[in-house]
């Protein structure tokens, strides 16, 4: 779960090579799957929403895509 969170954080910081929205959605889905297995889905989703709120202030890449995924 920590690796997934770090991957998403790095993506929002603009790191990565030729990433697509599909790559970002896949990273989020895997992060949430790990959180669910650990019984921390609600906490992980809240953490992601907080990270995205901060990212949207800086117009981070893929922040809109991830926000839509979190809203599902």
Protein backbone atom coordinates (compact mmCIF):
# COMPACT_ATOMS: atom_id res chain seq x y z
CA UNK A 1 0.00 0.00 0.00
CA UNK A 2 2.83 2.40 0.83
CA UNK A 3 4.47 1.72 -2.53
CA UNK A 4 1.21 2.47 -4.32
CA UNK A 5 0.77 5.72 -2.42
CA UNK A 6 4.33 6.75 -3.22
CA UNK A 7 3.83 5.92 -6.91
CA UNK A 8 0.73 8.11 -7.06
CA UNK A 9 2.49 10.90 -5.20
CA UNK A 10 5.38 10.80 -7.70
CA UNK A 11 2.95 10.82 -10.62
CA UNK A 12 1.23 13.91 -9.20
CA UNK A 13 4.65 15.55 -8.85
CA UNK A 14 5.18 15.09 -12.57
CA UNK A 15 7.54 12.14 -12.45
CA UNK A 16 7.22 9.29 -14.89
CA UNK A 17 7.82 8.67 -18.55
CA UNK A 18 4.99 8.90 -21.07
CA UNK A 19 2.30 8.07 -18.53
CA UNK A 20 -1.30 7.82 -19.64
CA UNK A 21 -4.53 8.19 -17.72
CA UNK A 22 -4.85 4.40 -17.88
CA UNK A 23 -1.50 4.02 -16.07
CA UNK A 24 -2.66 6.37 -13.34
CA UNK A 25 -6.00 4.62 -12.92
CA UNK A 26 -4.20 1.28 -12.70
CA UNK A 27 -1.89 2.62 -9.97
CA UNK A 28 -4.88 3.94 -8.02
CA UNK A 29 -6.81 0.68 -8.39
CA UNK A 30 -3.85 -1.33 -7.12
CA UNK A 31 -3.36 1.09 -4.21
CA UNK A 32 -7.00 0.73 -3.22
CA UNK A 33 -6.93 -3.06 -3.63
CA UNK A 34 -4.01 -3.23 -1.20
CA UNK A 35 -5.81 -0.91 1.21
CA UNK A 36 -8.92 -3.08 1.07
CA UNK A 37 -6.90 -6.21 1.80
CA UNK A 38 -5.45 -4.46 4.85
CA UNK A 39 -8.85 -3.20 5.99
CA UNK A 40 -7.82 0.42 5.44
CA UNK A 41 -9.87 1.38 2.40
CA UNK A 42 -11.65 4.34 4.00
CA UNK A 43 -8.44 5.73 5.44
CA UNK A 44 -6.59 5.25 2.14
CA UNK A 45 -9.35 6.99 0.19
CA UNK A 46 -9.33 9.94 2.60
CA UNK A 47 -5.54 10.13 2.33
CA UNK A 48 -5.80 10.13 -1.45
CA UNK A 49 -8.45 12.87 -1.43
CA UNK A 50 -6.22 15.02 0.80
CA UNK A 51 -3.26 14.42 -1.51
CA UNK A 52 -5.40 15.33 -4.53
CA UNK A 53 -6.72 18.52 -2.93
CA UNK A 54 -3.15 19.68 -2.51
CA UNK A 55 -2.18 18.52 -6.02
CA UNK A 56 -5.05 20.39 -7.66
CA UNK A 57 -3.77 23.66 -6.23
CA UNK A 58 -0.63 23.22 -8.32
CA UNK A 59 -2.43 21.79 -11.38
CA UNK A 60 -0.62 18.49 -10.94
CA UNK A 61 -0.74 16.12 -13.89
CA UNK A 62 -3.54 13.56 -13.72
CA UNK A 63 -5.06 15.08 -10.57
CA UNK A 64 -8.44 15.39 -12.32
CA UNK A 65 -8.27 11.76 -13.46
CA UNK A 66 -7.52 10.57 -9.94
CA UNK A 67 -10.21 12.77 -8.42
CA UNK A 68 -12.78 11.14 -10.72
CA UNK A 69 -11.52 7.69 -9.70
CA UNK A 70 -11.83 8.54 -5.99
CA UNK A 71 -15.39 9.72 -6.52
CA UNK A 72 -16.53 6.36 -7.81
